[in-house]
Protein backbone atom coordinates (compact mmCIF):
# COMPACT_ATOMS: atom_id res chain seq x y z
CA MET A 1 23.20 30.47 108.43
CA HIS A 2 23.71 28.37 105.34
CA SER A 3 22.70 29.61 101.78
CA PRO A 4 20.48 27.23 99.74
CA ALA A 5 21.93 25.11 96.97
CA PRO A 6 21.68 26.45 93.42
CA ALA A 7 19.27 23.69 92.35
CA ASP A 8 16.89 24.47 95.15
CA ALA A 9 17.05 28.21 94.36
CA GLU A 10 15.83 27.63 90.76
CA LYS A 11 12.84 25.62 91.97
CA ILE A 12 11.86 28.22 94.56
CA ALA A 13 12.27 31.37 92.34
CA PRO A 14 8.92 32.43 90.72
CA PRO A 15 8.79 33.10 86.92
CA THR A 16 9.75 36.70 86.05
CA ARG A 17 7.53 39.22 83.97
CA ARG A 18 10.19 39.41 81.28
CA GLY A 19 9.86 35.72 80.57
CA ARG A 20 6.12 36.09 79.82
CA GLY A 21 6.76 39.04 77.52
CA GLY A 22 9.21 37.08 75.49
CA VAL A 23 6.45 34.58 74.70
CA LEU A 24 3.58 37.07 74.03
CA LEU A 25 5.34 39.52 71.67
CA PRO A 26 6.16 37.00 68.89
CA ALA A 27 2.59 35.74 69.02
CA ILE A 28 1.18 39.26 68.58
CA ALA A 29 3.56 39.93 65.66
CA LEU A 30 2.43 36.75 63.91
CA LEU A 31 -1.20 37.72 64.33
CA ALA A 32 -0.51 41.20 62.85
CA VAL A 33 1.21 39.76 59.79
CA ALA A 34 -1.62 37.31 59.22
CA GLY A 35 -4.16 40.14 59.51
CA SER A 36 -2.28 42.26 56.99
CA ILE A 37 -2.15 39.42 54.47
CA LEU A 38 -5.85 38.80 54.90
CA ALA A 39 -6.66 42.52 54.46
CA LEU A 40 -4.57 42.79 51.26
CA THR A 41 -6.25 39.71 49.79
CA THR A 42 -9.68 41.11 50.61
CA MET A 43 -8.86 44.54 49.12
CA ARG A 44 -7.59 42.98 45.87
CA GLY A 45 -10.74 40.97 45.52
CA ASN A 46 -12.84 44.06 46.17
CA ASP A 47 -10.87 46.05 43.53
CA GLN A 48 -11.45 43.37 40.90
CA GLN A 49 -15.10 43.24 41.77
CA THR A 50 -15.36 47.04 41.69
CA THR A 51 -13.67 47.15 38.26
CA ALA A 52 -16.05 44.57 36.88
CA LEU A 53 -19.01 46.39 38.38
CA SER A 54 -17.74 49.71 37.02
CA GLY A 55 -17.61 48.26 33.50
CA VAL A 56 -21.16 47.01 33.85
CA ASP A 57 -22.31 50.32 35.30
CA LEU A 58 -20.69 52.32 32.47
CA ALA A 59 -22.24 50.08 29.85
CA ALA A 60 -25.59 50.38 31.55
CA GLN A 61 -25.25 54.16 31.80
CA SER A 62 -24.32 54.43 28.09
CA ALA A 63 -27.32 52.31 27.16
CA ALA A 64 -29.52 54.50 29.31
CA LEU A 65 -28.33 57.79 27.68
CA PRO A 66 -30.85 59.54 25.41
CA GLU A 67 -30.36 59.07 21.64
CA SER A 68 -29.78 62.82 21.19
CA VAL A 69 -26.83 62.75 23.59
CA LEU A 70 -25.35 59.70 21.87
CA SER A 71 -25.79 61.39 18.47
CA GLN A 72 -23.96 64.47 19.71
CA GLN A 73 -21.13 62.29 20.94
CA LYS A 74 -20.93 60.56 17.53
CA VAL A 75 -20.97 63.90 15.70
CA ALA A 76 -18.24 65.24 17.94
CA ALA A 77 -16.14 62.18 17.22
CA VAL A 78 -16.65 62.59 13.46
CA GLN A 79 -15.86 66.29 13.54
CA TYR A 80 -12.38 65.60 14.83
CA SER A 81 -11.55 62.87 12.32
CA PRO A 82 -8.31 63.41 10.35
CA GLU A 83 -10.09 62.80 7.03
CA LEU A 84 -12.56 65.63 7.53
CA GLU A 85 -9.81 67.88 8.84
CA ALA A 86 -7.78 67.26 5.67
CA LYS A 87 -10.87 67.84 3.52
CA SER A 88 -11.59 71.10 5.32
CA ALA A 89 -8.02 72.25 4.75
CA ALA A 90 -8.27 71.37 1.06
CA SER A 91 -11.43 73.46 0.65
CA ALA A 92 -9.92 76.54 2.30
CA PRO A 93 -9.68 79.66 0.11
CA ILE A 94 -6.60 79.95 -2.09
CA ALA A 95 -4.68 83.14 -1.31
CA VAL A 96 -3.02 85.29 -3.96
CA ASP A 97 -1.02 88.30 -2.81
CA ILE A 98 -0.67 91.44 -4.93
CA LYS A 99 2.67 92.95 -4.03
CA ASN A 100 5.61 94.61 -5.74
CA TYR A 101 3.41 95.19 -8.82
CA ALA A 102 2.90 91.45 -9.36
CA TYR A 103 0.54 88.61 -8.47
CA ALA A 104 2.05 85.97 -6.21
CA PRO A 105 1.80 83.25 -7.33
CA THR A 106 1.43 84.18 -10.99
CA ALA A 107 -0.03 80.77 -11.92
CA VAL A 108 -2.66 78.99 -9.80
CA THR A 109 -4.58 75.74 -10.32
CA VAL A 110 -7.88 75.25 -8.47
CA ALA A 111 -10.93 73.00 -8.75
CA VAL A 112 -14.49 73.92 -9.61
CA GLY A 113 -16.10 75.34 -6.50
CA ASP A 114 -12.84 76.61 -5.02
CA THR A 115 -12.56 80.18 -3.81
CA VAL A 116 -9.64 82.48 -4.54
CA VAL A 117 -8.85 85.55 -2.43
CA TRP A 118 -6.66 88.33 -3.82
CA THR A 119 -5.23 90.78 -1.28
CA ASN A 120 -3.49 94.01 -2.23
CA ARG A 121 -0.25 94.45 -0.25
CA ASP A 122 1.01 97.42 -2.28
CA THR A 123 0.42 101.07 -1.52
CA ALA A 124 -0.66 101.49 -5.16
CA PRO A 125 -4.18 100.40 -6.16
CA HIS A 126 -4.71 97.26 -8.24
CA THR A 127 -7.50 95.23 -9.81
CA VAL A 128 -8.18 91.64 -10.84
CA THR A 129 -9.50 91.83 -14.40
CA VAL A 130 -9.99 88.68 -16.47
CA SER A 131 -9.07 89.21 -20.13
CA SER A 132 -9.98 85.70 -21.30
CA GLY A 133 -11.71 82.72 -19.74
CA PRO A 134 -15.03 80.86 -19.42
CA GLU A 135 -16.44 83.56 -17.12
CA MET A 136 -15.54 87.21 -16.84
CA VAL A 137 -14.31 88.62 -13.54
CA ASN A 138 -13.60 92.28 -12.87
CA SER A 139 -12.86 93.32 -9.32
CA PRO A 140 -13.30 96.85 -8.01
CA THR A 141 -10.16 98.89 -7.50
CA LEU A 142 -8.43 97.46 -4.42
CA GLN A 143 -6.59 99.80 -2.12
CA GLN A 144 -3.87 98.61 0.25
CA GLY A 145 -5.16 95.91 2.60
CA GLN A 146 -8.37 95.26 0.68
CA SER A 147 -9.30 91.83 -0.69
CA PHE A 148 -11.40 90.48 -3.53
CA THR A 149 -12.97 87.01 -3.38
CA PHE A 150 -14.35 84.93 -6.25
CA THR A 151 -15.66 81.36 -6.35
CA PHE A 152 -15.05 79.68 -9.70
CA THR A 153 -17.87 77.55 -11.10
CA LYS A 154 -16.68 77.02 -14.69
CA PRO A 155 -13.59 74.97 -15.57
CA GLY A 156 -11.01 76.23 -18.04
CA SER A 157 -8.02 78.53 -18.42
CA TYR A 158 -8.19 82.13 -17.25
CA SER A 159 -5.86 85.05 -18.00
CA TYR A 160 -6.14 88.18 -15.91
CA TYR A 161 -4.30 91.45 -15.37
CA CYS A 162 -4.42 94.71 -13.43
CA ALA A 163 -6.45 97.39 -15.18
CA VAL A 164 -4.40 100.08 -13.44
CA HIS A 165 -1.08 98.49 -14.40
CA PRO A 166 -1.69 96.34 -17.50
CA ASP A 167 1.84 94.91 -17.38
CA MET A 168 0.79 92.91 -14.29
CA LYS A 169 -0.45 89.60 -15.69
CA ALA A 170 -1.22 86.15 -14.27
CA THR A 171 -3.05 82.93 -15.13
CA LEU A 172 -5.46 80.61 -13.35
CA THR A 173 -6.59 77.10 -14.28
CA VAL A 174 -9.86 75.63 -13.00
CA THR A 175 -10.12 71.84 -13.17
CA GLY A 176 -13.18 69.62 -12.88
CA SER A 177 -16.62 69.78 -14.42
CA THR A 178 -19.37 72.36 -14.24
CA PRO A 179 -21.79 71.53 -11.40
CA PRO A 180 -25.47 71.07 -12.31
CA PRO A 181 -27.55 74.25 -12.11
CA THR A 182 -29.48 74.90 -8.92
CA THR A 183 -32.61 76.93 -8.36
CA THR A 184 -30.96 79.29 -5.88
CA THR A 185 -27.35 80.33 -6.10
CA ALA A 186 -25.48 82.91 -4.09
CA PRO A 187 -23.44 85.51 -5.96
CA PRO A 188 -19.86 84.20 -6.33
CA THR A 189 -18.10 87.47 -5.58
CA THR A 190 -17.43 89.14 -2.26
CA THR A 191 -14.96 91.69 -1.02
CA THR A 192 -13.42 92.47 2.34
CA GLY A 193 -11.83 95.61 3.64
CA THR A 194 -14.50 97.80 2.06
CA THR A 195 -18.05 97.58 0.78
CA THR A 196 -17.74 97.08 -2.97
CA THR A 197 -19.32 95.02 -5.72
CA SER A 198 -17.90 93.23 -8.71
CA MET A 199 -18.26 95.15 -11.97
CA PRO A 200 -19.51 93.10 -14.93
CA MET A 201 -17.23 93.03 -17.93
CA PRO A 202 -18.19 92.00 -21.46
CA PRO A 203 -16.36 88.97 -22.84
CA PRO A 204 -13.44 89.70 -25.14
CA SER A 205 -13.96 89.48 -28.85
CA SER A 206 -13.24 86.20 -30.57
CA GLY A 207 -13.18 87.83 -33.99
CA GLY A 208 -16.67 89.35 -33.95
CA CYS A 209 -15.77 92.91 -33.09
CA ALA A 210 -12.12 93.85 -32.98
CA VAL A 211 -12.82 97.52 -32.22
CA LYS A 212 -14.69 96.73 -28.99
CA ALA A 213 -12.00 94.30 -27.97
CA ALA A 214 -9.35 96.97 -28.58
CA LEU A 215 -11.23 99.58 -26.55
CA ALA A 216 -11.96 97.30 -23.57
CA PRO A 217 -8.44 97.52 -22.03
CA PHE A 218 -8.37 101.29 -22.55
CA ILE A 219 -11.74 101.85 -20.86
CA ALA A 220 -10.82 99.56 -17.95
CA HIS A 221 -7.53 101.43 -17.44
CA LEU A 222 -9.16 104.84 -17.75
CA LYS A 223 -11.68 103.98 -15.04
CA ALA A 224 -9.31 102.26 -12.61
CA ALA A 225 -6.17 104.36 -13.01
CA HIS A 226 -7.60 107.82 -13.63
CA LEU A 227 -11.30 108.26 -12.94
CA GLU A 228 -11.28 106.28 -9.69
CA GLU A 229 -7.89 107.51 -8.44
CA GLY A 230 -7.22 110.71 -6.57
CA VAL A 231 -4.81 113.31 -7.88
CA GLY A 232 -2.27 112.43 -5.20
CA GLN A 233 -2.15 108.78 -6.24
CA GLN A 234 -1.86 109.72 -9.91
CA VAL A 235 1.08 112.00 -9.13
CA THR A 236 2.69 109.16 -7.18
CA ASP A 237 2.23 106.88 -10.18
CA LEU A 238 3.75 109.47 -12.49
CA LEU A 239 6.82 109.91 -10.29
CA ASN A 240 7.50 106.19 -10.64
CA LEU A 241 8.57 106.90 -14.20
CA ASP A 242 9.79 103.46 -15.17
CA GLN A 243 6.55 101.81 -14.09
CA TYR A 244 4.49 104.60 -15.63
CA VAL A 245 6.07 104.22 -19.06
CA LYS A 246 5.78 100.45 -18.92
CA THR A 247 2.14 100.65 -17.84
CA HIS A 248 1.03 102.76 -20.76
CA THR A 249 3.21 100.96 -23.28
CA VAL A 250 1.63 97.65 -22.35
CA LEU A 251 -1.76 99.34 -22.47
CA ILE A 252 -1.21 100.24 -26.11
CA GLU A 253 -0.01 96.71 -26.80
CA ASN A 254 -3.16 95.26 -25.23
CA MET A 255 -5.28 97.53 -27.39
CA LEU A 256 -3.51 96.62 -30.61
CA THR A 257 -3.36 92.86 -30.12
CA PRO A 258 -7.13 92.20 -30.52
CA VAL A 259 -7.17 94.27 -33.69
CA LEU A 260 -4.29 92.33 -35.21
CA ASN A 261 -5.81 89.01 -34.16
CA GLY A 262 -9.42 89.92 -34.90
CA ASP A 263 -11.53 90.69 -37.91
CA ALA A 264 -10.02 94.08 -38.73
CA ASP A 265 -9.31 94.93 -42.32
CA GLN A 266 -5.94 93.74 -43.56
CA ALA A 267 -4.88 97.33 -44.25
CA VAL A 268 -5.49 98.24 -40.61
CA LYS A 269 -3.44 95.25 -39.51
CA ASP A 270 -0.62 96.27 -41.84
CA VAL A 271 -0.65 99.77 -40.37
CA LEU A 272 -0.55 98.65 -36.76
CA THR A 273 2.00 95.86 -37.14
CA PRO A 274 5.09 98.17 -37.29
CA LEU A 275 3.82 100.14 -34.27
CA LEU A 276 3.36 97.00 -32.20
CA ALA A 277 6.82 95.74 -33.19
CA HIS A 278 8.38 99.07 -32.20
CA LEU A 279 6.60 99.17 -28.86
CA LYS A 280 7.89 95.74 -27.94
CA ALA A 281 11.48 96.24 -29.10
CA ALA A 282 12.11 99.87 -28.20
CA HIS A 283 10.04 100.25 -25.03
CA LEU A 284 8.92 97.00 -23.46
CA GLU A 285 12.24 95.23 -23.91
CA GLU A 286 14.42 98.24 -23.03
CA GLY A 287 15.18 99.58 -19.61
CA LEU A 288 14.34 103.13 -18.61
CA GLY A 289 18.01 104.16 -18.74
CA GLN A 290 18.36 103.12 -22.36
CA GLN A 291 15.12 104.86 -23.29
CA VAL A 292 16.33 108.07 -21.67
CA THR A 293 19.60 107.76 -23.58
CA ASP A 294 17.65 107.34 -26.82
CA LEU A 295 15.54 110.37 -25.99
CA LEU A 296 18.60 112.56 -25.34
CA ASN A 297 19.87 111.71 -28.82
CA VAL A 298 17.20 113.97 -30.29
CA ASP A 299 18.21 113.61 -33.93
CA GLN A 300 18.10 109.85 -33.86
CA TYR A 301 14.92 109.84 -31.75
CA VAL A 302 13.00 112.00 -34.21
CA LYS A 303 14.28 110.00 -37.16
CA THR A 304 13.29 106.73 -35.50
CA HIS A 305 9.70 107.74 -34.96
CA THR A 306 9.38 109.50 -38.30
CA VAL A 307 10.40 106.33 -40.09
CA LEU A 308 8.02 104.41 -37.86
CA ILE A 309 5.13 106.55 -39.09
CA GLU A 310 6.31 106.07 -42.66
CA ASN A 311 6.33 102.30 -42.22
CA MET A 312 2.81 102.46 -40.83
CA LEU A 313 1.46 104.53 -43.73
CA THR A 314 3.17 102.69 -46.56
CA PRO A 315 0.69 99.77 -46.65
CA VAL A 316 -2.16 102.24 -46.99
CA PHE A 317 -0.48 104.12 -49.85
CA ASN A 318 0.27 100.89 -51.65
CA GLN A 319 -3.41 99.97 -51.68
CA LEU A 320 -4.62 103.32 -52.96
CA THR A 321 -5.67 103.40 -56.59
CA CYS A 322 -6.24 106.49 -58.71
């Protein structure tokens, strides 16, 4: 038998399955790519349309909201504004600490309507007692951790001290103008840490009555440091000898100053002037160690105070006539 020629074999052989697959697969791939492109284009158009519709829907929903809800939203937005936050911080109470037998800070400037809060950080009791100013303020005796609050309504310069420890002094300046009177006003003083009330204090003398002005610091100290203090606290104060001496020396000074500056008779002023000078030089301006040294030199100590009495009495003798 003879095998057919190669040309005849190609004509007789039927097309194979693989040949058809080679034509169909590229066509399917092209259709898939075209479908993907069409789907992406459709999705992008839908997204844009959805975004536009969402904006319209939100605007329509906002317009449809009740006025009360919109007002609440506006109020909420205003409440969080930086301007109001700064204003709220500015109107916060001004804090003054009482610690280490001193007011910190010792000088404060506030505006009319501002509130000041004094807090006692010491174990010893203290007060806030205004000695001069447009309005008188006298706090109750503050124990450790207690606070006294006062809202100032009158502008001007204030000087205040501790009635228990008169050497503790500070100043406060209130700026602005006095607000117009209102029909109903809340009391300007409050306290925290205990239930107490502010004690009224008569204004200091401006030359009308020097005796009352001289007695005011003594009465305030007597109440705060002795009548309202327990025995234990008074013993503690006494053991702090340096502070104790300074406290009562300044007390005497505060009593004498209104007399010398007031309407007292000139003879009285002449009598008290040497005493006030001695208190300042020999006690207020000297440390406790030096004062103890002076006291141990008994001869000199007695002579010093004897001559002091002589200097106080001499003006009286010089005015006596027989």
